[in-house]
Amino acid sequence: MRKLTPLDKLFSEIDKGLRAVHASGDGTGRPRPGKCEGDAGLSETEKAHAASLMRVNHAGEIAAQALYNGQALGARKDEVRQRLQQSALEETDHLAWCRERVETLGQSISRLAPFWYWGSFAIGLAAGLAGDRWSLGFIKETEDQVGEHLRGHLRDLPEQDECSRAIVEQMIVDEQHHGEVAMSLGGKTLPAPAPAMMRLASKVMTTLSYRI
């Protein structure tokens, strides 16, 4: 098998970014959770709110792809790199489910998607270069914050929107699993300032992607 050159790796990462932002694939082919029947009889206000929340979730999944890809590029151990790549692959399901739901509800994904991807990729690469233990700890903290954010969405989504709710519930399960795997591989708990900075960055992304 031919060893990849730096240029090969560059083009590979650009391809991954373009696929995450622009492709509307089926992920791994895992069945979408729940029963999805159009807009489930939501009022126009409820439909707009649900679509905006799912757009936020889609933006978060674009960022997750970027973080995993950046961290995998900077990983030192093959085992860690392979686990990061596997987690990224599993989360392509979330990307496909959220995009489909946003479009079914009559809206489009965030126009800032390229910014979310490449900004997050840079953060992920920095985390990867900091060392595998810190990188894995970063995943755990990220997944914990994502889970908290998704549980908030469950409280905010209309009760009758069973499709969106089922998607979010499965995402919570998957995010928790990925965080646990990261710690099992030797992840190190991040120092106090880091989680606070991560929450601030997340707040900016969720606020903007809800509207744009």
Foldseek 3Di string as FASTA:
>chain_A
DDDDDPVNVVVVVVVLLCCLQPNLDQQPVPDQFDDDDQQLPDDLVLLLQLLLLLLLQLLVLLLLLLLLSLLLVLADDPVLNVLSVVLNSNSVNSNNLSQVSSVSSPHHHFPCSSVSRVVSNVVSNVQNNVYLQSSLLVLLLSLVVVLVVLVVVLVVRDPSRRSSNRSSVVSNVSSNVSNVVSVVVNHDHDDDVVSVVVVVVSVVSSVRRSPD
